[in-house]
Protein backbone atom coordinates (compact mmCIF):
# COMPACT_ATOMS: atom_id res chain seq x y z
CA UNK A 1 18.02 27.72 12.56
CA UNK A 2 15.54 25.24 11.32
CA UNK A 3 13.86 22.46 13.53
CA UNK A 4 15.46 19.29 14.06
CA UNK A 5 12.78 16.65 12.31
CA UNK A 6 11.96 13.50 14.14
CA UNK A 7 10.43 10.86 11.90
CA UNK A 8 8.17 8.46 14.10
CA UNK A 9 7.31 5.08 12.07
CA UNK A 10 3.87 3.64 13.27
CA UNK A 11 0.90 1.59 12.00
CA UNK A 12 -2.60 1.81 12.72
CA UNK A 13 -3.45 -0.66 16.08
CA UNK A 14 0.39 -0.61 16.88
CA UNK A 15 -0.19 -0.51 21.01
CA UNK A 16 3.85 0.34 21.58
CA UNK A 17 3.24 2.83 18.89
CA UNK A 18 0.25 4.21 21.11
CA UNK A 19 2.48 4.31 24.29
CA UNK A 20 5.40 6.30 22.99
CA UNK A 21 3.25 8.88 20.81
CA UNK A 22 2.10 11.14 23.42
CA UNK A 23 5.72 11.21 25.20
CA UNK A 24 7.20 12.10 21.83
CA UNK A 25 4.35 14.90 21.56
CA UNK A 26 5.69 16.09 24.78
CA UNK A 27 9.36 16.21 23.78
CA UNK A 28 8.77 17.85 21.00
CA UNK A 29 7.14 20.83 22.47
CA UNK A 30 9.69 20.78 25.19
CA UNK A 31 12.84 20.63 22.73
CA UNK A 32 10.82 22.54 19.64
CA UNK A 33 11.65 19.64 17.28
CA UNK A 34 9.08 18.73 14.10
CA UNK A 35 7.37 15.49 14.78
CA UNK A 36 6.65 13.65 11.53
CA UNK A 37 4.32 10.58 11.72
CA UNK A 38 4.76 8.13 9.36
CA UNK A 39 2.08 5.44 8.73
CA UNK A 40 4.38 2.37 7.25
CA UNK A 41 1.62 1.27 5.20
CA UNK A 42 1.99 4.40 3.13
CA UNK A 43 5.06 3.59 1.61
CA UNK A 44 6.20 -0.11 0.40
CA UNK A 45 9.89 1.11 1.08
CA UNK A 46 8.68 1.93 4.82
CA UNK A 47 6.60 -1.41 5.49
CA UNK A 48 9.53 -3.52 4.37
CA UNK A 49 12.06 -1.68 6.45
CA UNK A 50 10.12 -1.15 9.55
CA UNK A 51 7.12 -3.43 9.63
CA UNK A 52 8.89 -5.84 12.11
CA UNK A 53 10.47 -2.67 14.15
CA UNK A 54 7.45 -0.35 14.73
CA UNK A 55 7.34 2.02 16.55
CA UNK A 56 10.77 3.72 15.01
CA UNK A 57 12.24 6.97 15.92
CA UNK A 58 14.72 8.46 13.60
CA UNK A 59 16.85 11.44 13.19
CA UNK A 60 19.00 12.35 10.29
CA UNK A 61 18.51 8.95 9.25
CA UNK A 62 19.70 7.18 12.17
CA UNK A 63 17.15 5.19 14.36
CA UNK A 64 17.32 6.56 18.11
CA UNK A 65 14.96 3.48 19.38
CA UNK A 66 12.57 1.19 18.08
CA UNK A 67 10.12 -1.25 19.57
CA UNK A 68 9.82 -1.58 23.30
CA UNK A 69 11.40 2.32 23.29
CA UNK A 70 12.89 3.38 26.56
CA UNK A 71 11.62 7.06 27.40
CA UNK A 72 14.58 7.66 29.18
CA UNK A 73 17.08 7.16 26.23
CA UNK A 74 14.64 8.94 24.01
CA UNK A 75 14.07 11.80 25.89
CA UNK A 76 18.12 11.95 26.53
CA UNK A 77 18.90 11.59 23.11
CA UNK A 78 16.62 14.07 21.61
CA UNK A 79 17.77 16.35 24.13
CA UNK A 80 21.37 16.09 23.28
CA UNK A 81 20.38 16.63 19.31
CA UNK A 82 17.67 19.44 20.03
CA UNK A 83 19.73 21.41 22.09
CA UNK A 84 22.96 21.36 19.95
CA UNK A 85 25.32 19.09 21.97
CA UNK A 86 26.12 16.62 18.99
CA UNK A 87 24.11 15.83 15.65
CA UNK A 88 26.44 12.47 15.33
CA UNK A 89 25.64 9.61 17.86
CA UNK A 90 27.51 7.37 19.93
CA UNK A 91 27.47 3.43 19.97
CA UNK A 92 24.75 3.74 23.03
CA UNK A 93 22.34 6.46 21.57
CA UNK A 94 21.87 5.31 17.78
CA UNK A 95 21.31 1.58 16.66
CA UNK A 96 23.00 -0.06 13.51
CA UNK A 97 20.77 -1.88 11.49
CA UNK A 98 23.35 -4.01 10.22
CA UNK A 99 23.66 -5.55 13.91
CA UNK A 100 20.00 -6.72 13.72
């Protein structure tokens, strides 16, 4: 079975990003997922989409959390995803950007 890919959007000098990255690295070891770290300045579409939201954690194209990331919520969501309970998200786990 392939590892789940968790995308983390960040930028240099982002203090919120610096706070959540160690947690993501620990969770990647614990739940055996691949953590892809993306600097939003590397692609214009990332910069346009995420510049006011970072840090952003995304799985299967769905945003799990962003900004002031709730570490407990993040851990719970990644546990559910990576242990095979669900690859779909309920209203409390994912964030619909259309509501923003």
